[in-house]
């Protein structure tokens, strides 16, 4: 059945090819249709965008009552604004446990490394996750993805990484694969992050050797992960170790992503450029020369604003990246230390606290991450255009700018998810 949407308010379509770099705040008319448009959706994609009058002349007026027509239905959006579905290109969805006590440690001045040495950090989550049943982790993942959908997210990337052994890393990817097959959830892109931390019983070199000799070959044989990722950071995996793992992963057919320069400039940005990875995330302290090299190499700078918010650290200089016309995206980095999966909250942080224009921020939450986190069907997403996946949000406002002005709750009335219309 086709669904015909009419009476849309302003529609931030963001259509076009490739990522967007630089400040486009003076080009709103290029990216936003005025009120009065409508859409025809069928087979999970957008088939047509036209004026509402034209569509109602062809399909009839919207009605709350059943017309008996099984070929299509007509729905009025009542003048509410429409934006693309969000693409959350960096999450750690599957984990169990509670690390809330670390908040007190951070207030005592302890660093991320200090907390890890006290028994907190990633290893704490690894222990809790390893002891959790598959059913429990599947339930947690489902609930978290439903919350993401209610916040307007229609596609997500998620990583393993809280296993740090071959068997447990494969288990997390298997659970992620089961979630990706469930209906009425955001579509899911799976990344293997075996190199997230170093098991206590091994040195970094020993664990890298184990990854290359045992874990990676079995991950490749399993065939569930589309990408590989490494936490390239001083104190975790250095540039040389990261390069070795990433090159072996690429040789096995995996796409590449990276965690880089979260706590200091450790050379991760330069390696990301050298390897031409898809996305180099965190990138908090990456120097500007490396950012330019990343741009020239086609690497997306993936900012994770929720992390400095949760950790109480300073923001990256987003405006400097805009001024230098470097393409960037945002993602939640949902994890035990940053427990938000709301892209609208991130939008509020950038717009209301960092001075970024809502259009630049919306592009960073939709169109730009679509370039590094593809839809499983191969359709274009992260924008509203003919032929794209039918993923869009209807706001509780007649203004498209409202998408980032409710940090306490999502301003989303309803979501079209791969053609299915869902009221929240």
Protein backbone atom coordinates (compact mmCIF):
# COMPACT_ATOMS: atom_id res chain seq x y z
CA UNK A 1 0.00 0.00 0.00
CA UNK A 2 1.21 3.47 -0.85
CA UNK A 3 1.01 6.21 1.76
CA UNK A 4 0.38 9.76 0.58
CA UNK A 5 1.40 12.52 3.01
CA UNK A 6 -0.05 15.98 2.39
CA UNK A 7 -0.14 19.36 4.13
CA UNK A 8 3.47 19.28 5.27
CA UNK A 9 4.97 22.35 6.85
CA UNK A 10 8.51 23.39 5.87
CA UNK A 11 10.47 20.31 4.77
CA UNK A 12 14.20 20.23 5.45
CA UNK A 13 14.94 17.85 2.59
CA UNK A 14 18.77 18.27 2.52
CA UNK A 15 18.86 16.63 -0.90
CA UNK A 16 21.95 16.44 -3.09
CA UNK A 17 25.01 14.29 -3.64
CA UNK A 18 27.80 13.67 -1.14
CA UNK A 19 28.59 15.26 2.19
CA UNK A 20 28.24 18.96 2.94
CA UNK A 21 31.22 20.98 4.20
CA UNK A 22 31.29 24.52 5.49
CA UNK A 23 28.69 26.91 6.84
CA UNK A 24 25.42 26.79 4.87
CA UNK A 25 23.36 28.92 7.25
CA UNK A 26 22.85 31.50 4.48
CA UNK A 27 21.56 28.82 2.05
CA UNK A 28 18.43 27.67 3.90
CA UNK A 29 16.25 27.99 0.76
CA UNK A 30 18.53 25.48 -0.98
CA UNK A 31 17.92 22.82 1.65
CA UNK A 32 14.36 23.52 2.90
CA UNK A 33 11.12 23.29 0.88
CA UNK A 34 8.45 25.82 1.90
CA UNK A 35 5.22 24.62 3.49
CA UNK A 36 2.61 22.97 1.29
CA UNK A 37 4.44 19.96 -0.13
CA UNK A 38 3.50 16.32 0.17
CA UNK A 39 5.14 12.94 -0.39
CA UNK A 40 4.14 9.63 -1.91
CA UNK A 41 5.76 6.63 -0.21
CA UNK A 42 5.76 3.05 -1.48
CA UNK A 43 7.94 -0.04 -1.14
CA UNK A 44 9.95 1.65 1.60
CA UNK A 45 11.07 4.57 -0.53
CA UNK A 46 9.99 8.07 -1.50
CA UNK A 47 8.35 7.85 -4.92
CA UNK A 48 7.28 11.44 -5.39
CA UNK A 49 7.40 14.92 -3.86
CA UNK A 50 4.78 17.38 -5.08
CA UNK A 51 2.39 20.09 -3.98
CA UNK A 52 -0.36 18.98 -1.61
CA UNK A 53 -3.12 20.26 -3.91
CA UNK A 54 -1.75 18.21 -6.80
CA UNK A 55 -1.66 15.08 -4.63
CA UNK A 56 -5.14 15.53 -3.16
CA UNK A 57 -6.54 16.10 -6.64
CA UNK A 58 -5.07 12.73 -7.62
CA UNK A 59 -5.56 10.70 -4.46
CA UNK A 60 -8.37 12.50 -2.64
CA UNK A 61 -8.53 14.35 0.64
CA UNK A 62 -7.13 12.86 3.85
CA UNK A 63 -9.66 11.10 6.06
CA UNK A 64 -9.63 9.54 9.51
CA UNK A 65 -12.18 7.00 8.31
CA UNK A 66 -11.50 3.91 6.24
CA UNK A 67 -12.28 4.47 2.55
CA UNK A 68 -12.09 0.82 1.63
CA UNK A 69 -9.20 1.57 -0.72
CA UNK A 70 -6.42 -0.95 -0.25
CA UNK A 71 -4.04 0.65 -2.76
CA UNK A 72 -3.19 3.80 -0.80
CA UNK A 73 -4.07 5.98 2.16
CA UNK A 74 -3.86 9.76 2.49
CA UNK A 75 -2.54 11.34 5.71
CA UNK A 76 -2.49 15.04 6.58
CA UNK A 77 0.58 16.32 8.43
CA UNK A 78 -1.43 19.38 9.52
CA UNK A 79 1.26 21.89 8.65
CA UNK A 80 3.92 20.31 10.87
CA UNK A 81 7.55 20.55 9.76
CA UNK A 82 9.38 17.52 8.34
CA UNK A 83 13.06 16.57 8.61
CA UNK A 84 15.06 13.46 7.60
CA UNK A 85 15.41 10.54 9.98
CA UNK A 86 18.54 10.81 12.10
CA UNK A 87 21.54 8.59 11.43
CA UNK A 88 23.43 7.77 14.62
CA UNK A 89 26.78 6.72 13.21
CA UNK A 90 28.61 5.78 16.43
CA UNK A 91 27.04 3.81 19.30
CA UNK A 92 28.00 1.14 21.80
CA UNK A 93 24.58 -0.43 22.05
CA UNK A 94 25.23 -3.80 23.68
CA UNK A 95 26.52 -3.83 27.24
CA UNK A 96 25.34 -4.58 30.74
CA UNK A 97 26.21 -3.17 34.15
CA UNK A 98 26.30 0.19 35.91
CA UNK A 99 29.29 2.51 36.20
CA UNK A 100 27.53 5.41 37.90
CA UNK A 101 30.07 5.38 40.77
CA UNK A 102 32.67 6.74 38.34
CA UNK A 103 30.96 10.11 38.51
CA UNK A 104 32.28 10.62 42.05
CA UNK A 105 35.76 9.57 40.96
CA UNK A 106 35.74 12.12 38.14
CA UNK A 107 34.69 14.82 40.60
CA UNK A 108 37.70 13.83 42.73
CA UNK A 109 39.88 14.68 39.74
CA UNK A 110 40.63 11.15 38.57
CA UNK A 111 41.30 10.71 34.86
CA UNK A 112 39.83 8.08 32.55
CA UNK A 113 43.08 6.10 32.93
CA UNK A 114 42.99 6.48 36.74
CA UNK A 115 39.45 5.13 36.84
CA UNK A 116 40.44 2.15 34.71
CA UNK A 117 43.25 1.35 37.15
CA UNK A 118 40.72 1.44 40.02
CA UNK A 119 38.67 -1.30 38.35
CA UNK A 120 36.26 0.97 36.50
CA UNK A 121 36.14 1.91 32.86
CA UNK A 122 35.76 -0.46 29.95
CA UNK A 123 36.95 -3.51 31.89
CA UNK A 124 34.15 -3.08 34.42
CA UNK A 125 31.61 -3.18 31.60
CA UNK A 126 33.38 -6.16 30.01
CA UNK A 127 32.95 -8.14 33.23
CA UNK A 128 29.27 -7.25 33.55
CA UNK A 129 28.55 -7.91 29.89
CA UNK A 130 30.34 -11.26 29.89
CA UNK A 131 28.14 -12.36 32.81
CA UNK A 132 24.89 -11.27 31.16
CA UNK A 133 22.70 -13.74 29.29
CA UNK A 134 22.01 -13.37 25.59
CA UNK A 135 18.34 -12.82 26.39
CA UNK A 136 19.17 -9.96 28.75
CA UNK A 137 21.48 -8.26 26.23
CA UNK A 138 18.93 -8.71 23.47
CA UNK A 139 16.26 -7.09 25.65
CA UNK A 140 18.57 -4.18 26.54
CA UNK A 141 19.45 -3.64 22.89
CA UNK A 142 15.79 -3.72 21.85
CA UNK A 143 14.76 -1.20 24.52
CA UNK A 144 17.63 1.13 23.62
CA UNK A 145 16.82 0.99 19.92
CA UNK A 146 13.14 1.69 20.60
CA UNK A 147 14.16 4.76 22.57
CA UNK A 148 16.37 5.86 19.68
CA UNK A 149 13.42 5.49 17.31
CA UNK A 150 11.19 7.56 19.58
CA UNK A 151 13.90 10.23 19.40
CA UNK A 152 13.77 10.18 15.60
CA UNK A 153 16.71 7.90 14.76
CA UNK A 154 16.01 5.65 11.77
CA UNK A 155 19.46 4.11 11.28
CA UNK A 156 22.28 3.29 13.70
CA UNK A 157 25.83 2.02 13.68
CA UNK A 158 26.80 -0.10 16.67
CA UNK A 159 29.98 -1.79 17.81
CA UNK A 160 31.03 -4.83 19.73
CA UNK A 161 33.91 -4.11 22.09
CA UNK A 162 32.70 -5.13 25.53
CA UNK A 163 33.84 -8.71 25.05
CA UNK A 164 37.60 -8.52 24.34
CA UNK A 165 37.75 -12.24 23.56
CA UNK A 166 36.93 -14.05 20.35
CA UNK A 167 33.88 -15.85 21.72
CA UNK A 168 32.36 -12.83 23.46
CA UNK A 169 33.01 -10.41 20.60
CA UNK A 170 31.32 -12.82 18.20
CA UNK A 171 28.40 -13.19 20.62
CA UNK A 172 27.83 -9.43 20.69
CA UNK A 173 27.80 -9.28 16.89
CA UNK A 174 25.35 -12.20 16.77
CA UNK A 175 23.01 -10.35 19.13
CA UNK A 176 23.35 -7.22 17.01
CA UNK A 177 22.47 -9.25 13.93
CA UNK A 178 19.31 -10.55 15.62
CA UNK A 179 18.31 -6.99 16.48
CA UNK A 180 18.85 -5.93 12.87
CA UNK A 181 16.22 -8.45 11.76
CA UNK A 182 13.50 -7.15 14.10
CA UNK A 183 10.70 -4.98 12.76
CA UNK A 184 9.92 -1.43 13.85
CA UNK A 185 13.48 -0.72 14.93
CA UNK A 186 16.08 1.49 13.26
CA UNK A 187 18.16 -0.39 10.72
CA UNK A 188 21.56 -1.41 12.09
CA UNK A 189 25.13 -1.31 10.80
CA UNK A 190 27.51 -3.65 12.67
CA UNK A 191 31.15 -2.86 13.52
CA UNK A 192 33.70 -5.15 15.17
CA UNK A 193 35.66 -3.33 17.91
CA UNK A 194 37.79 -6.08 19.39
CA UNK A 195 40.55 -3.48 19.87
CA UNK A 196 38.55 -1.43 22.39
CA UNK A 197 40.78 -2.13 25.40
CA UNK A 198 43.47 -4.58 26.49
CA UNK A 199 42.50 -7.59 28.65
CA UNK A 200 44.22 -7.43 32.07
CA UNK A 201 46.05 -10.73 31.59
CA UNK A 202 47.76 -9.61 28.37
CA UNK A 203 50.10 -6.88 27.23
CA UNK A 204 49.01 -4.68 24.36
CA UNK A 205 51.37 -6.48 21.96
CA UNK A 206 50.13 -9.88 23.11
CA UNK A 207 46.52 -8.89 22.61
CA UNK A 208 47.22 -7.45 19.16
CA UNK A 209 48.87 -10.75 18.24
CA UNK A 210 45.80 -12.63 19.51
CA UNK A 211 43.48 -10.34 17.55
CA UNK A 212 45.38 -10.90 14.31
CA UNK A 213 45.92 -14.63 14.73
CA UNK A 214 42.57 -15.68 16.20
CA UNK A 215 39.88 -13.07 16.68
CA UNK A 216 39.90 -11.29 13.31
CA UNK A 217 39.90 -14.52 11.21
CA UNK A 218 36.85 -15.79 13.09
CA UNK A 219 35.08 -12.43 12.82
CA UNK A 220 35.66 -12.55 9.07
CA UNK A 221 34.37 -16.12 8.87
CA UNK A 222 31.29 -15.14 10.89
CA UNK A 223 30.56 -12.44 8.30
CA UNK A 224 28.30 -10.20 10.40
CA UNK A 225 30.44 -7.08 10.82
CA UNK A 226 30.61 -4.62 7.91
CA UNK A 227 33.42 -2.56 9.48
CA UNK A 228 36.32 -2.76 11.91
CA UNK A 229 37.23 -0.10 14.47
CA UNK A 230 40.19 0.50 16.81
CA UNK A 231 40.51 2.71 19.90
CA UNK A 232 43.66 4.51 18.76
CA UNK A 233 44.66 6.49 21.81
CA UNK A 234 47.83 6.81 23.96
CA UNK A 235 47.49 4.25 26.75
CA UNK A 236 45.31 1.95 24.66
CA UNK A 237 46.34 1.06 21.08
CA UNK A 238 49.16 3.10 19.64
CA UNK A 239 49.39 4.21 16.02
CA UNK A 240 51.52 1.24 14.94
CA UNK A 241 49.25 -1.34 16.58
CA UNK A 242 46.15 0.35 15.23
CA UNK A 243 47.57 0.42 11.73
CA UNK A 244 48.40 -3.29 11.85
CA UNK A 245 44.88 -4.26 12.94
CA UNK A 246 43.16 -1.94 10.49
CA UNK A 247 45.24 -3.03 7.49
CA UNK A 248 44.57 -6.70 8.28
CA UNK A 249 40.86 -5.93 8.63
CA UNK A 250 40.77 -4.18 5.27
CA UNK A 251 42.59 -7.10 3.66
CA UNK A 252 39.78 -9.30 4.98
CA UNK A 253 37.14 -7.13 3.30
CA UNK A 254 36.02 -4.94 6.18
CA UNK A 255 35.42 -1.20 5.96
CA UNK A 256 37.40 0.90 8.45
CA UNK A 257 36.41 3.30 11.23
CA UNK A 258 38.48 4.69 14.10
CA UNK A 259 38.32 6.20 17.57
CA UNK A 260 40.98 8.94 17.53
CA UNK A 261 42.36 11.75 19.68
CA UNK A 262 39.69 11.66 22.38
CA UNK A 263 41.93 12.72 25.28
CA UNK A 264 44.95 14.15 23.46
CA UNK A 265 46.34 14.45 19.96
CA UNK A 266 47.96 11.03 19.68
CA UNK A 267 48.43 10.89 15.91
CA UNK A 268 45.14 9.10 15.24
CA UNK A 269 43.98 11.74 12.77
CA UNK A 270 47.13 11.33 10.67
CA UNK A 271 46.68 7.55 10.59
CA UNK A 272 43.01 7.96 9.63
CA UNK A 273 44.11 10.09 6.68
CA UNK A 274 46.88 7.67 5.69
CA UNK A 275 44.47 4.73 5.65
CA UNK A 276 41.54 6.68 4.22
CA UNK A 277 39.13 5.24 6.77
CA UNK A 278 35.43 6.05 6.48
CA UNK A 279 35.07 7.98 9.73
CA UNK A 280 37.49 9.11 12.45
CA UNK A 281 35.40 9.65 15.56
CA UNK A 282 35.85 11.66 18.74
CA UNK A 283 38.59 13.67 16.94
CA UNK A 284 38.40 16.03 19.89
CA UNK A 285 42.06 17.05 19.95
CA UNK A 286 43.02 16.35 16.34
CA UNK A 287 45.20 19.17 15.03
CA UNK A 288 43.97 21.27 12.10
CA UNK A 289 46.65 20.06 9.71
CA UNK A 290 45.50 16.49 10.30
CA UNK A 291 41.88 17.54 9.84
CA UNK A 292 42.73 18.97 6.42
CA UNK A 293 44.57 15.77 5.51
CA UNK A 294 41.51 13.79 6.58
CA UNK A 295 39.30 15.93 4.37
CA UNK A 296 41.61 15.44 1.38
CA UNK A 297 41.56 11.67 2.02
CA UNK A 298 37.76 11.53 2.16
CA UNK A 299 37.63 10.82 5.90
CA UNK A 300 34.60 12.09 7.81
CA UNK A 301 35.34 13.85 11.10
CA UNK A 302 32.88 12.27 13.54
CA UNK A 303 32.22 14.45 16.57
CA UNK A 304 30.55 12.90 19.63
CA UNK A 305 29.31 15.91 21.64
CA UNK A 306 27.62 13.81 24.33
CA UNK A 307 30.99 12.53 25.52
CA UNK A 308 32.57 15.85 26.57
CA UNK A 309 29.17 16.79 28.00
CA UNK A 310 29.11 13.63 30.15
CA UNK A 311 32.80 13.84 31.06
CA UNK A 312 32.71 17.55 31.90
CA UNK A 313 35.45 18.43 29.42
CA UNK A 314 35.57 21.31 26.96
CA UNK A 315 33.92 21.19 23.55
CA UNK A 316 35.86 20.76 20.32
CA UNK A 317 35.95 23.91 18.18
CA UNK A 318 33.06 23.07 15.85
CA UNK A 319 33.02 26.53 14.29
CA UNK A 320 36.68 26.24 13.34
CA UNK A 321 35.89 23.05 11.44
CA UNK A 322 32.99 24.80 9.68
CA UNK A 323 35.20 27.75 8.78
CA UNK A 324 37.74 25.39 7.25
CA UNK A 325 35.03 23.62 5.21
CA UNK A 326 35.79 20.22 6.69
CA UNK A 327 32.86 17.75 6.49
CA UNK A 328 31.75 16.45 9.88
CA UNK A 329 29.01 14.41 11.48
CA UNK A 330 27.65 13.95 14.98
CA UNK A 331 26.65 10.78 16.82
CA UNK A 332 25.59 9.90 20.35
CA UNK A 333 28.44 7.56 21.37
CA UNK A 334 25.82 5.82 23.55
CA UNK A 335 27.83 3.86 26.13
CA UNK A 336 28.00 3.22 29.91
CA UNK A 337 29.57 6.67 30.50
CA UNK A 338 27.44 8.59 28.01
CA UNK A 339 23.93 7.24 28.42
CA UNK A 340 22.05 9.23 25.82
CA UNK A 341 20.80 7.95 22.49
CA UNK A 342 18.92 11.14 21.60
CA UNK A 343 20.16 12.95 18.51
CA UNK A 344 17.83 15.83 19.30
CA UNK A 345 19.66 16.32 22.61
CA UNK A 346 22.95 16.50 20.72
CA UNK A 347 21.38 19.07 18.43
CA UNK A 348 20.47 21.16 21.46
CA UNK A 349 24.05 20.97 22.77
CA UNK A 350 25.50 22.26 19.52
CA UNK A 351 22.89 24.90 18.77
CA UNK A 352 22.09 26.20 22.25
CA UNK A 353 25.51 25.80 23.87
CA UNK A 354 28.09 25.88 21.06
CA UNK A 355 26.58 28.43 18.69
CA UNK A 356 26.18 26.18 15.64
CA UNK A 357 23.35 27.01 13.22
CA UNK A 358 20.49 24.45 13.30
CA UNK A 359 20.87 23.71 9.57
CA UNK A 360 24.59 22.91 9.87
CA UNK A 361 23.80 20.73 12.87
CA UNK A 362 20.93 18.91 11.14
CA UNK A 363 23.15 18.09 8.17
CA UNK A 364 25.71 16.66 10.62
CA UNK A 365 23.00 14.41 12.08
CA UNK A 366 21.54 13.14 8.80
CA UNK A 367 23.07 13.66 5.38
CA UNK A 368 26.74 13.61 6.35
CA UNK A 369 26.70 10.40 8.43
CA UNK A 370 24.74 8.70 5.63
CA UNK A 371 27.96 8.86 3.61
CA UNK A 372 29.82 6.63 6.09
CA UNK A 373 26.93 4.56 7.49
CA UNK A 374 24.97 3.26 4.49
CA UNK A 375 21.40 1.96 4.51
CA UNK A 376 21.31 -1.86 4.26
CA UNK A 377 19.20 -1.70 1.07
CA UNK A 378 21.73 0.51 -0.66
CA UNK A 379 19.16 3.31 -0.97
CA UNK A 380 20.14 6.89 -0.24
CA UNK A 381 19.08 8.00 3.25
CA UNK A 382 19.61 10.97 5.54
CA UNK A 383 17.73 13.21 3.12
CA UNK A 384 14.25 13.55 1.67
CA UNK A 385 14.32 13.09 -2.08
CA UNK A 386 12.79 10.87 -4.73
CA UNK A 387 14.35 7.40 -4.61
CA UNK A 388 15.60 7.75 -1.04
CA UNK A 389 14.59 5.47 1.80
CA UNK A 390 11.30 6.71 3.28
CA UNK A 391 12.82 7.73 6.60
CA UNK A 392 11.66 11.07 7.97
CA UNK A 393 10.34 12.73 11.12
CA UNK A 394 7.30 14.91 11.62
CA UNK A 395 7.93 17.54 14.31
CA UNK A 396 5.58 18.99 16.90
CA UNK A 397 6.11 22.43 15.35
CA UNK A 398 5.47 24.27 12.11
CA UNK A 399 9.13 25.32 12.10
CA UNK A 400 11.91 22.92 11.08
CA UNK A 401 14.29 24.61 13.56
CA UNK A 402 12.28 23.07 16.42
CA UNK A 403 14.12 19.78 15.97
CA UNK A 404 16.90 20.85 18.36
CA UNK A 405 15.06 22.99 20.94
CA UNK A 406 13.71 20.38 23.39
CA UNK A 407 16.72 18.85 25.15
CA UNK A 408 14.55 17.14 27.76
CA UNK A 409 12.42 15.24 25.24
CA UNK A 410 12.28 14.59 21.53
CA UNK A 411 10.11 17.05 19.56
CA UNK A 412 9.01 14.20 17.27
CA UNK A 413 5.30 13.55 16.69
CA UNK A 414 5.75 10.65 14.30
CA UNK A 415 8.35 8.87 12.19
CA UNK A 416 8.21 7.25 8.79
CA UNK A 417 10.57 4.28 9.14
CA UNK A 418 11.36 2.58 5.84
CA UNK A 419 7.85 3.41 4.69
CA UNK A 420 6.03 2.44 7.90
CA UNK A 421 4.31 5.39 9.58
CA UNK A 422 4.75 5.27 13.37
CA UNK A 423 3.11 7.60 15.89
CA UNK A 424 5.10 8.18 19.08
